């Protein structure tokens, strides 16, 4: 029987992103890392939701005279694209919202919005390099992290269409020395993050195999001997290992390096001139400096080793190319329409419930509007893309800073709300006395393991976090839906405060598969 953990069925609790937090600096694959991705459990947290790095803008960049910058800014920083009255209203709202929120996220960002297959908004905000006083430009390139997983997925799906592999093939067919672990692990399990394979960035510590750099085979060897977290196909749990292994399978099937296959069969056919596999030795003049924000302080981020990221998120791109990629997908330039539809449909579990992940994309919603999305986060950079198919609206945001509070995703979601004409704030306002009554520690025991939720009240708001890192719930704000029902904006996890027959306060948590657990207040 699969061990039940709170939020386990929910898996990737914090979006499009995710994950268990560790100390500010730890070693995976034998490399010291300050930040990887995703969400915050403590002020010095790192997460394994999205793999990627930053590229440093050289301090030897050419000097540009202030007057020239002024002219460049006038010409290129803002694009109106012949906007309609509605779009001009949207632009005005975004021009007010983004600068106000950006200061809590990054020195700079780029935002692009397309509606009905036309770019209606593209603008850069803030600074690309604070030390050299270089403004952000709309066409600058960013490391995109786990947003790159969809490119790996498309590479795999091309091979499926060609009959070279099957979604139901066991991965051992292509990775000969990968232990079966008592179950068949399929390619579809890797694509949908339902394999049960542990995340090499957060859940595996193997000192005997740690190195500074890795070949793909050495990376597979690092991953392969760990026990599974659960029976394949029974749960969703985001793991970067899945997409690392998919890249290796592409190499085994095609005889090409993952980088070369991707360029020849995915990037070039989509005409992506500004999307590249990372080569740290190359200086990219159009890339902003990457930063990290720790405890409210901004500092330059350190470059992460690319061989660790590999097919789980080692791409560089810009806003225009990310939108061009989106267009190529929906114009059937890369895979058939039915293949893409399957990739962007949530995986269905045997009992009939659904995950929130397809093949390289999260399938969610914003206030009832379906979204197909993914984000990326790492040392120096964070990114997010959201497609709302019913409204035919596409949004991409790119930031030159890692910050662990999920604010960049909240901003992207609010940009999406404005783009489809939805209000930003639907929170019910409750009195301080009601909110403070919920403060405390709540516990549940599952499989002889004790789990705790800690609810706190600070500056007029309730926050919740799980004390057990395996529960994958960092400290996040709670928003009131009613007097006793709350939700978090980062992901579809809900909290209901109730009293039992003995007048003891409890929290019932609900994830995307229904009721999750009941937590009893103990203090």
Protein backbone atom coordinates (compact mmCIF):
# COMPACT_ATOMS: atom_id res chain seq x y z
CA UNK A 1 0.00 0.00 0.00
CA UNK A 2 1.28 3.44 -0.84
CA UNK A 3 2.26 5.46 2.20
CA UNK A 4 0.02 8.48 2.59
CA UNK A 5 1.58 11.84 3.33
CA UNK A 6 -0.23 15.15 3.70
CA UNK A 7 -0.28 16.96 0.37
CA UNK A 8 1.36 13.91 -1.29
CA UNK A 9 -1.42 13.44 -3.82
CA UNK A 10 -1.21 17.14 -4.38
CA UNK A 11 2.49 16.65 -4.97
CA UNK A 12 3.79 19.85 -6.44
CA UNK A 13 2.13 21.95 -3.80
CA UNK A 14 3.56 25.23 -4.95
CA UNK A 15 3.14 25.51 -8.63
CA UNK A 16 4.35 26.07 -11.62
CA UNK A 17 7.11 25.09 -9.37
CA UNK A 18 7.21 23.13 -5.80
CA UNK A 19 9.10 21.72 -3.11
CA UNK A 20 10.86 20.46 -0.15
CA UNK A 21 13.17 23.05 1.37
CA UNK A 22 16.69 22.61 2.51
CA UNK A 23 19.41 24.78 3.96
CA UNK A 24 20.58 27.80 2.01
CA UNK A 25 23.58 25.84 0.80
CA UNK A 26 23.71 22.08 0.22
CA UNK A 27 25.39 19.59 -2.06
CA UNK A 28 23.76 17.63 -4.81
CA UNK A 29 25.76 15.75 -7.38
CA UNK A 30 28.65 16.90 -5.13
CA UNK A 31 28.23 20.56 -6.08
CA UNK A 32 27.58 23.33 -3.59
CA UNK A 33 24.41 25.22 -4.42
CA UNK A 34 22.97 28.34 -2.86
CA UNK A 35 19.52 28.25 -4.45
CA UNK A 36 17.70 26.05 -6.88
CA UNK A 37 14.06 26.76 -7.27
CA UNK A 38 10.63 27.35 -6.09
CA UNK A 39 9.32 28.11 -2.67
CA UNK A 40 10.29 29.13 0.76
CA UNK A 41 10.10 27.23 4.02
CA UNK A 42 12.69 29.29 5.84
CA UNK A 43 14.51 32.50 4.91
CA UNK A 44 17.38 30.41 3.61
CA UNK A 45 15.48 27.76 1.68
CA UNK A 46 16.25 26.03 -1.58
CA UNK A 47 13.95 23.88 -3.57
CA UNK A 48 13.87 21.36 -6.32
CA UNK A 49 10.97 22.46 -8.24
CA UNK A 50 12.82 23.88 -11.31
CA UNK A 51 16.30 23.35 -12.47
CA UNK A 52 18.36 26.15 -13.87
CA UNK A 53 20.95 28.79 -13.43
CA UNK A 54 21.95 32.31 -14.25
CA UNK A 55 24.41 33.82 -16.68
CA UNK A 56 26.41 36.78 -15.47
CA UNK A 57 26.60 39.92 -17.53
CA UNK A 58 30.27 40.71 -17.86
CA UNK A 59 31.61 43.62 -15.86
CA UNK A 60 33.52 44.50 -19.01
CA UNK A 61 30.30 45.27 -20.89
CA UNK A 62 30.69 48.33 -23.07
CA UNK A 63 29.80 51.66 -21.56
CA UNK A 64 26.73 53.32 -22.98
CA UNK A 65 26.22 57.02 -22.66
CA UNK A 66 23.15 58.13 -20.69
CA UNK A 67 21.74 60.09 -23.61
CA UNK A 68 21.96 57.06 -25.89
CA UNK A 69 20.18 55.01 -23.27
CA UNK A 70 17.46 57.63 -23.13
CA UNK A 71 16.90 57.37 -26.88
CA UNK A 72 17.02 53.57 -26.81
CA UNK A 73 14.50 53.53 -24.00
CA UNK A 74 12.13 55.74 -25.93
CA UNK A 75 12.37 53.56 -28.99
CA UNK A 76 12.39 50.06 -27.57
CA UNK A 77 11.37 49.77 -23.94
CA UNK A 78 7.65 50.04 -24.64
CA UNK A 79 5.65 48.54 -27.47
CA UNK A 80 1.99 49.35 -27.98
CA UNK A 81 1.31 47.19 -31.08
CA UNK A 82 -1.64 49.30 -32.24
CA UNK A 83 -3.62 48.56 -29.11
CA UNK A 84 -7.38 48.63 -28.85
CA UNK A 85 -9.14 50.64 -26.17
CA UNK A 86 -9.30 47.53 -23.96
CA UNK A 87 -5.61 46.85 -24.50
CA UNK A 88 -4.68 50.43 -23.69
CA UNK A 89 -6.62 50.10 -20.45
CA UNK A 90 -4.77 46.84 -19.77
CA UNK A 91 -1.43 48.52 -20.47
CA UNK A 92 -2.22 51.31 -18.07
CA UNK A 93 -3.17 48.83 -15.35
CA UNK A 94 0.00 46.78 -15.91
CA UNK A 95 2.20 49.86 -15.99
CA UNK A 96 0.90 50.66 -12.50
CA UNK A 97 0.88 47.11 -11.10
CA UNK A 98 4.24 45.73 -12.21
CA UNK A 99 6.61 48.46 -10.90
CA UNK A 100 4.74 48.45 -7.59
CA UNK A 101 5.22 44.70 -7.14
CA UNK A 102 8.60 44.30 -8.86
CA UNK A 103 10.60 45.82 -5.99
CA UNK A 104 9.68 42.78 -3.86
CA UNK A 105 10.79 40.34 -6.56
CA UNK A 106 13.77 41.38 -8.68
CA UNK A 107 15.81 44.33 -9.96
CA UNK A 108 14.17 43.92 -13.36
CA UNK A 109 11.79 41.93 -15.51
CA UNK A 110 10.31 41.52 -18.98
CA UNK A 111 6.60 40.94 -19.55
CA UNK A 112 4.92 39.84 -22.79
CA UNK A 113 1.20 39.30 -23.39
CA UNK A 114 -0.40 37.99 -26.57
CA UNK A 115 -4.13 37.89 -27.25
CA UNK A 116 -5.74 36.20 -30.22
CA UNK A 117 -2.34 35.44 -31.75
CA UNK A 118 -1.09 39.03 -31.54
CA UNK A 119 1.35 40.60 -29.09
CA UNK A 120 -0.52 43.37 -27.28
CA UNK A 121 2.00 44.17 -24.57
CA UNK A 122 5.76 43.81 -24.27
CA UNK A 123 7.77 45.87 -21.86
CA UNK A 124 10.91 45.79 -19.75
CA UNK A 125 10.98 47.15 -16.21
CA UNK A 126 13.77 47.97 -13.82
CA UNK A 127 17.45 47.14 -14.11
CA UNK A 128 19.41 44.45 -15.92
CA UNK A 129 22.51 45.28 -13.89
CA UNK A 130 22.29 47.44 -10.80
CA UNK A 131 26.06 47.79 -10.40
CA UNK A 132 26.56 49.10 -13.95
CA UNK A 133 23.23 50.98 -14.02
CA UNK A 134 22.05 49.12 -17.13
CA UNK A 135 18.27 49.17 -17.70
CA UNK A 136 16.41 46.00 -18.56
CA UNK A 137 15.58 45.64 -22.26
CA UNK A 138 12.57 43.74 -23.71
CA UNK A 139 14.68 41.39 -25.84
CA UNK A 140 17.19 40.30 -23.20
CA UNK A 141 17.83 36.60 -22.64
CA UNK A 142 17.18 34.73 -19.39
CA UNK A 143 17.79 31.28 -18.07
CA UNK A 144 14.35 29.72 -18.06
CA UNK A 145 14.84 26.66 -15.85
CA UNK A 146 12.06 24.12 -15.62
CA UNK A 147 10.10 25.89 -18.33
CA UNK A 148 12.53 23.90 -20.50
CA UNK A 149 10.89 20.61 -19.52
CA UNK A 150 8.24 21.10 -22.20
CA UNK A 151 10.97 21.18 -24.87
CA UNK A 152 12.28 17.84 -23.58
CA UNK A 153 8.72 16.48 -23.59
CA UNK A 154 8.18 17.54 -27.21
CA UNK A 155 11.44 15.82 -28.18
CA UNK A 156 10.16 12.60 -26.64
CA UNK A 157 6.72 12.94 -28.24
CA UNK A 158 8.31 13.36 -31.67
CA UNK A 159 9.97 9.97 -31.20
CA UNK A 160 6.61 8.52 -30.16
CA UNK A 161 4.99 9.86 -33.35
CA UNK A 162 7.83 8.34 -35.39
CA UNK A 163 7.23 4.94 -33.80
CA UNK A 164 10.72 4.81 -32.30
CA UNK A 165 9.42 4.61 -28.74
CA UNK A 166 6.07 4.10 -26.99
CA UNK A 167 4.66 5.96 -24.01
CA UNK A 168 4.08 2.60 -22.35
CA UNK A 169 7.62 1.33 -22.92
CA UNK A 170 9.51 0.48 -19.78
CA UNK A 171 12.40 2.89 -19.27
CA UNK A 172 14.63 -0.16 -18.75
CA UNK A 173 14.25 -0.81 -22.49
CA UNK A 174 16.47 2.21 -23.12
CA UNK A 175 18.35 2.56 -19.83
CA UNK A 176 19.65 -0.98 -19.65
CA UNK A 177 21.08 -0.97 -16.15
CA UNK A 178 18.21 0.89 -14.48
CA UNK A 179 16.79 -1.36 -11.73
CA UNK A 180 13.13 -2.31 -12.10
CA UNK A 181 12.44 -1.78 -8.38
CA UNK A 182 9.60 -4.29 -8.57
CA UNK A 183 7.46 -2.23 -10.96
CA UNK A 184 7.35 -1.23 -14.58
CA UNK A 185 8.30 2.43 -14.88
CA UNK A 186 7.08 3.80 -18.19
CA UNK A 187 8.10 6.76 -20.31
CA UNK A 188 4.66 8.21 -19.58
CA UNK A 189 5.42 7.96 -15.85
CA UNK A 190 8.49 10.13 -16.43
CA UNK A 191 6.57 12.67 -18.53
CA UNK A 192 3.77 12.99 -15.98
CA UNK A 193 5.95 12.96 -12.84
CA UNK A 194 4.20 9.82 -11.63
CA UNK A 195 7.23 7.51 -11.66
CA UNK A 196 7.99 7.61 -7.94
CA UNK A 197 11.68 8.19 -8.74
CA UNK A 198 13.33 10.46 -6.19
CA UNK A 199 14.38 13.97 -7.16
CA UNK A 200 18.13 14.08 -7.55
CA UNK A 201 18.17 17.74 -6.55
CA UNK A 202 16.39 17.38 -3.24
CA UNK A 203 15.92 13.80 -2.15
CA UNK A 204 19.14 11.97 -3.01
CA UNK A 205 22.48 12.18 -1.22
CA UNK A 206 25.10 9.83 -2.61
CA UNK A 207 28.58 11.00 -1.54
CA UNK A 208 30.36 8.10 -3.25
CA UNK A 209 29.06 9.30 -6.65
CA UNK A 210 29.34 13.05 -6.14
CA UNK A 211 31.35 14.98 -8.74
CA UNK A 212 31.78 18.53 -9.92
CA UNK A 213 30.51 17.80 -13.45
CA UNK A 214 28.61 14.87 -14.94
CA UNK A 215 28.12 13.06 -18.17
CA UNK A 216 24.47 12.08 -18.73
CA UNK A 217 25.32 8.45 -17.89
CA UNK A 218 26.99 9.50 -14.64
CA UNK A 219 23.89 11.48 -13.78
CA UNK A 220 21.71 8.43 -14.42
CA UNK A 221 24.00 6.31 -12.24
CA UNK A 222 23.60 8.86 -9.46
CA UNK A 223 19.81 8.51 -9.62
CA UNK A 224 19.14 4.88 -10.45
CA UNK A 225 19.76 2.93 -7.23
CA UNK A 226 17.42 4.87 -4.94
CA UNK A 227 14.15 3.25 -3.77
CA UNK A 228 10.91 4.60 -5.20
CA UNK A 229 8.73 7.04 -3.28
CA UNK A 230 5.57 5.24 -4.42
CA UNK A 231 4.18 2.76 -6.94
CA UNK A 232 4.53 4.23 -10.45
CA UNK A 233 1.30 5.72 -11.73
CA UNK A 234 -0.33 5.98 -8.30
CA UNK A 235 0.69 9.52 -7.32
CA UNK A 236 2.00 12.77 -8.71
CA UNK A 237 5.24 14.08 -7.28
CA UNK A 238 7.34 16.54 -9.20
CA UNK A 239 10.86 15.19 -9.68
CA UNK A 240 13.61 16.65 -11.84
CA UNK A 241 15.00 13.13 -12.18
CA UNK A 242 12.15 12.25 -14.54
CA UNK A 243 13.20 14.82 -17.11
CA UNK A 244 16.90 14.09 -16.68
CA UNK A 245 16.14 10.47 -17.60
CA UNK A 246 14.03 11.55 -20.58
CA UNK A 247 16.98 13.46 -22.00
CA UNK A 248 19.15 10.36 -21.62
CA UNK A 249 16.51 8.24 -23.39
CA UNK A 250 16.55 10.69 -26.31
CA UNK A 251 20.30 10.16 -26.57
CA UNK A 252 19.99 6.37 -26.41
CA UNK A 253 17.28 6.25 -29.10
CA UNK A 254 18.74 8.79 -31.54
CA UNK A 255 22.47 8.37 -31.03
CA UNK A 256 22.76 12.17 -30.73
CA UNK A 257 23.54 14.33 -27.75
CA UNK A 258 20.47 15.82 -26.13
CA UNK A 259 21.68 19.29 -27.08
CA UNK A 260 22.11 18.40 -30.75
CA UNK A 261 18.81 16.56 -30.98
CA UNK A 262 17.00 19.47 -29.39
CA UNK A 263 18.56 22.00 -31.73
CA UNK A 264 17.94 20.01 -34.93
CA UNK A 265 14.46 18.71 -34.17
CA UNK A 266 12.87 21.16 -31.73
CA UNK A 267 14.53 24.58 -31.67
CA UNK A 268 15.42 25.00 -35.35
CA UNK A 269 12.04 23.80 -36.74
CA UNK A 270 10.36 26.34 -34.45
CA UNK A 271 12.73 29.02 -35.80
CA UNK A 272 13.94 29.93 -32.32
CA UNK A 273 16.93 32.17 -32.96
CA UNK A 274 17.34 33.23 -29.34
CA UNK A 275 16.90 29.92 -27.51
CA UNK A 276 20.04 28.01 -26.64
CA UNK A 277 21.40 25.18 -24.56
CA UNK A 278 23.56 26.79 -21.88
CA UNK A 279 27.32 26.95 -22.38
CA UNK A 280 28.78 28.72 -19.33
CA UNK A 281 32.05 29.50 -21.09
CA UNK A 282 30.24 31.72 -23.59
CA UNK A 283 29.58 35.35 -22.77
CA UNK A 284 26.06 36.43 -23.68
CA UNK A 285 26.03 40.25 -23.97
CA UNK A 286 22.22 40.45 -24.01
CA UNK A 287 21.77 38.62 -20.72
CA UNK A 288 21.08 40.55 -17.51
CA UNK A 289 23.01 39.98 -14.33
CA UNK A 290 21.36 37.32 -12.19
CA UNK A 291 20.67 38.08 -8.53
CA UNK A 292 19.39 36.26 -5.46
CA UNK A 293 17.34 37.71 -2.67
CA UNK A 294 18.06 36.36 0.80
CA UNK A 295 16.35 37.78 3.87
CA UNK A 296 15.36 40.87 1.91
CA UNK A 297 18.88 41.54 0.62
CA UNK A 298 19.83 41.39 -3.06
CA UNK A 299 23.17 39.86 -4.01
CA UNK A 300 24.77 38.58 -7.19
CA UNK A 301 23.97 34.93 -7.85
CA UNK A 302 26.58 32.25 -8.50
CA UNK A 303 26.59 30.34 -11.76
CA UNK A 304 25.30 26.77 -11.52
CA UNK A 305 26.93 23.83 -13.29
CA UNK A 306 25.01 23.10 -16.50
CA UNK A 307 25.66 19.33 -16.54
CA UNK A 308 23.52 19.04 -13.43
CA UNK A 309 20.59 20.74 -15.14
CA UNK A 310 20.82 18.91 -18.48
CA UNK A 311 17.40 18.06 -19.95
CA UNK A 312 15.57 19.14 -16.79
CA UNK A 313 16.13 22.83 -17.55
CA UNK A 314 19.32 24.05 -19.23
CA UNK A 315 17.94 26.53 -21.75
CA UNK A 316 18.28 30.27 -22.33
CA UNK A 317 15.58 32.23 -24.14
CA UNK A 318 13.79 35.56 -24.35
CA UNK A 319 10.17 36.62 -24.28
CA UNK A 320 9.76 36.77 -28.06
CA UNK A 321 11.17 33.29 -28.57
CA UNK A 322 9.04 31.83 -25.80
CA UNK A 323 5.96 33.20 -27.55
CA UNK A 324 7.26 31.99 -30.91
CA UNK A 325 7.65 28.54 -29.31
CA UNK A 326 4.04 28.69 -28.18
CA UNK A 327 2.91 29.58 -31.70
CA UNK A 328 4.98 26.79 -33.24
CA UNK A 329 3.32 24.26 -30.94
CA UNK A 330 -0.21 25.34 -31.76
CA UNK A 331 0.56 25.64 -35.48
CA UNK A 332 1.57 21.94 -35.45
CA UNK A 333 5.14 22.72 -36.52
CA UNK A 334 6.58 20.21 -34.03
CA UNK A 335 3.99 17.54 -33.18
CA UNK A 336 0.48 16.70 -34.31
CA UNK A 337 -2.52 18.49 -32.85
CA UNK A 338 -3.75 15.38 -31.03
CA UNK A 339 -0.30 14.81 -29.54
CA UNK A 340 -0.18 18.35 -28.14
CA UNK A 341 -3.71 18.01 -26.80
CA UNK A 342 -2.66 14.90 -24.88
CA UNK A 343 0.46 16.63 -23.60
CA UNK A 344 -1.59 19.52 -22.25
CA UNK A 345 -4.23 17.31 -20.59
CA UNK A 346 -3.88 16.38 -16.93
CA UNK A 347 -2.83 12.79 -16.25
CA UNK A 348 -5.68 10.60 -15.00
CA UNK A 349 -5.06 8.18 -12.14
CA UNK A 350 -6.55 4.66 -12.17
CA UNK A 351 -9.32 5.62 -9.72
CA UNK A 352 -10.48 8.40 -12.05
CA UNK A 353 -9.03 11.48 -10.35
CA UNK A 354 -6.63 13.80 -12.13
CA UNK A 355 -3.16 15.08 -11.50
CA UNK A 356 -2.38 18.71 -12.31
CA UNK A 357 0.38 17.78 -14.75
CA UNK A 358 0.42 16.61 -18.35
CA UNK A 359 3.60 16.02 -20.37
CA UNK A 360 5.78 19.00 -19.44
CA UNK A 361 2.99 21.39 -18.47
CA UNK A 362 0.88 22.05 -15.40
CA UNK A 363 -2.87 22.08 -16.00
CA UNK A 364 -4.49 24.47 -13.55
CA UNK A 365 -6.93 27.36 -13.50
CA UNK A 366 -7.07 31.00 -12.51
CA UNK A 367 -10.42 31.83 -10.95
CA UNK A 368 -12.11 29.18 -13.06
CA UNK A 369 -10.26 29.88 -16.31
CA UNK A 370 -8.21 26.88 -17.45
CA UNK A 371 -4.45 27.41 -17.66
CA UNK A 372 -1.62 25.48 -19.31
CA UNK A 373 1.54 26.68 -17.61
CA UNK A 374 5.00 26.15 -16.22
CA UNK A 375 7.52 28.20 -14.33
CA UNK A 376 11.25 28.07 -13.70
CA UNK A 377 13.38 29.21 -10.81
CA UNK A 378 17.06 28.98 -9.91
CA UNK A 379 20.12 30.92 -8.87
CA UNK A 380 19.70 34.32 -10.45
CA UNK A 381 16.57 33.94 -12.54
CA UNK A 382 12.88 33.10 -12.38
CA UNK A 383 10.38 32.72 -15.18
CA UNK A 384 6.74 31.93 -15.71
CA UNK A 385 4.43 31.30 -18.66
CA UNK A 386 0.66 30.91 -18.64
CA UNK A 387 -1.63 30.06 -21.54
CA UNK A 388 -5.38 30.49 -21.11
CA UNK A 389 -6.75 28.49 -24.05
CA UNK A 390 -10.39 29.50 -23.72
CA UNK A 391 -9.47 33.19 -23.83
CA UNK A 392 -6.52 32.60 -26.20
CA UNK A 393 -4.24 34.68 -23.98
CA UNK A 394 -0.54 33.90 -23.47
CA UNK A 395 1.64 35.51 -20.80
CA UNK A 396 5.36 35.20 -20.16
CA UNK A 397 7.29 36.90 -17.36
CA UNK A 398 11.08 36.84 -16.91
CA UNK A 399 12.89 38.07 -13.79
CA UNK A 400 16.60 38.46 -13.08
CA UNK A 401 16.48 37.37 -9.45
CA UNK A 402 15.79 34.33 -7.36
CA UNK A 403 13.42 35.11 -4.50
CA UNK A 404 11.92 32.34 -2.42
CA UNK A 405 8.54 33.84 -1.56
CA UNK A 406 6.66 32.91 -4.75
CA UNK A 407 5.89 36.58 -5.36
CA UNK A 408 6.92 36.29 -9.01
CA UNK A 409 4.25 33.68 -9.64
CA UNK A 410 1.63 35.65 -7.76
CA UNK A 411 2.43 38.66 -9.94
CA UNK A 412 2.22 36.57 -13.12
CA UNK A 413 -1.16 35.23 -12.03
CA UNK A 414 -2.40 38.75 -11.39
CA UNK A 415 -1.12 39.86 -14.80
CA UNK A 416 -3.13 36.99 -16.28
CA UNK A 417 -6.22 38.08 -14.34
CA UNK A 418 -5.97 41.58 -15.75
CA UNK A 419 -5.37 40.23 -19.24
CA UNK A 420 -8.64 38.27 -19.18
CA UNK A 421 -10.63 40.96 -17.36
CA UNK A 422 -10.85 39.36 -13.92
CA UNK A 423 -10.53 41.28 -10.63
CA UNK A 424 -7.32 41.01 -8.64
CA UNK A 425 -8.70 40.71 -5.14
CA UNK A 426 -11.53 38.39 -4.22
CA UNK A 427 -10.46 37.85 -0.61
CA UNK A 428 -13.08 38.07 2.13
CA UNK A 429 -12.03 40.49 4.86
CA UNK A 430 -12.23 39.05 8.39
CA UNK A 431 -11.75 40.67 11.76
CA UNK A 432 -8.51 40.29 13.67
CA UNK A 433 -10.29 38.38 16.44
CA UNK A 434 -11.57 35.74 14.03
CA UNK A 435 -8.17 35.28 12.43
CA UNK A 436 -6.30 35.06 15.73
CA UNK A 437 -8.66 32.32 16.92
CA UNK A 438 -7.13 30.03 14.26
CA UNK A 439 -3.52 30.54 15.36
CA UNK A 440 -1.83 27.45 16.72
CA UNK A 441 -0.20 24.11 15.97
CA UNK A 442 -2.26 21.38 14.28
CA UNK A 443 -1.15 17.76 14.07
CA UNK A 444 -2.02 14.54 12.29
CA UNK A 445 -0.43 11.08 12.52
CA UNK A 446 -0.22 9.07 9.33
CA UNK A 447 1.63 5.76 9.03
CA UNK A 448 3.16 6.37 12.46
CA UNK A 449 4.67 9.65 11.29
CA UNK A 450 3.62 12.85 13.03
CA UNK A 451 2.97 15.91 10.86
CA UNK A 452 2.44 19.48 12.02
CA UNK A 453 0.86 22.58 10.53
CA UNK A 454 1.74 25.89 12.16
CA UNK A 455 -0.71 28.76 11.70
CA UNK A 456 0.54 32.24 12.62
CA UNK A 457 -0.84 35.79 12.55
CA UNK A 458 1.43 38.65 11.51
CA UNK A 459 0.65 42.14 10.20
CA UNK A 460 -3.03 41.40 9.89
CA UNK A 461 -2.64 38.16 7.93
CA UNK A 462 -2.75 34.42 8.59
CA UNK A 463 0.12 32.26 7.38
CA UNK A 464 0.55 28.50 7.42
CA UNK A 465 3.54 26.21 7.07
CA UNK A 466 4.33 22.55 7.65
CA UNK A 467 7.11 21.77 10.11
CA UNK A 468 7.98 18.49 8.36
CA UNK A 469 9.89 19.29 5.13
CA UNK A 470 8.51 16.13 3.48
CA UNK A 471 5.04 17.70 3.59
CA UNK A 472 6.25 20.27 1.04
CA UNK A 473 4.34 23.21 2.38
CA UNK A 474 6.44 26.32 3.01
CA UNK A 475 5.19 29.37 4.85
CA UNK A 476 2.50 31.00 2.70
CA UNK A 477 -0.32 33.47 3.24
CA UNK A 478 -3.86 32.24 3.69
CA UNK A 479 -6.70 34.10 1.96
CA UNK A 480 -10.25 33.94 3.28
CA UNK A 481 -13.02 32.57 1.11
CA UNK A 482 -15.47 32.62 4.02
CA UNK A 483 -15.22 32.90 7.79
CA UNK A 484 -13.72 29.41 8.11
CA UNK A 485 -12.51 28.55 4.58
CA UNK A 486 -9.13 29.68 3.28
CA UNK A 487 -6.97 29.14 0.23
CA UNK A 488 -3.43 29.86 -0.92
CA UNK A 489 -2.71 31.65 -4.19
CA UNK A 490 0.33 29.60 -5.11
CA UNK A 491 -1.59 26.38 -5.75
CA UNK A 492 -5.05 24.77 -5.35
CA UNK A 493 -4.72 23.79 -1.69
CA UNK A 494 -7.63 24.69 0.60
CA UNK A 495 -7.95 24.86 4.39
CA UNK A 496 -11.21 24.54 6.32
CA UNK A 497 -11.33 25.30 10.05
CA UNK A 498 -13.99 23.28 11.89
CA UNK A 499 -14.79 22.20 15.45
CA UNK A 500 -15.55 18.60 16.34
CA UNK A 501 -18.19 17.37 18.80
CA UNK A 502 -15.82 18.09 21.69
CA UNK A 503 -15.35 21.68 20.51
CA UNK A 504 -11.75 20.95 19.47
CA UNK A 505 -10.57 23.03 16.50
CA UNK A 506 -9.38 21.16 13.42
CA UNK A 507 -8.11 21.96 9.93
CA UNK A 508 -9.33 19.88 7.02
CA UNK A 509 -7.02 20.23 4.03
CA UNK A 510 -8.13 19.61 0.45
CA UNK A 511 -5.89 19.17 -2.57
CA UNK A 512 -6.66 18.75 -6.25
CA UNK A 513 -7.80 15.16 -5.64
CA UNK A 514 -10.20 15.98 -2.80
CA UNK A 515 -9.90 15.70 0.98
CA UNK A 516 -6.29 15.35 2.09
CA UNK A 517 -6.09 15.14 5.90
CA UNK A 518 -7.62 16.27 9.19
CA UNK A 519 -5.34 18.15 11.56
CA UNK A 520 -6.20 18.58 15.25
CA UNK A 521 -5.15 21.68 17.18
CA UNK A 522 -2.73 20.68 19.93
CA UNK A 523 -1.48 24.05 21.13
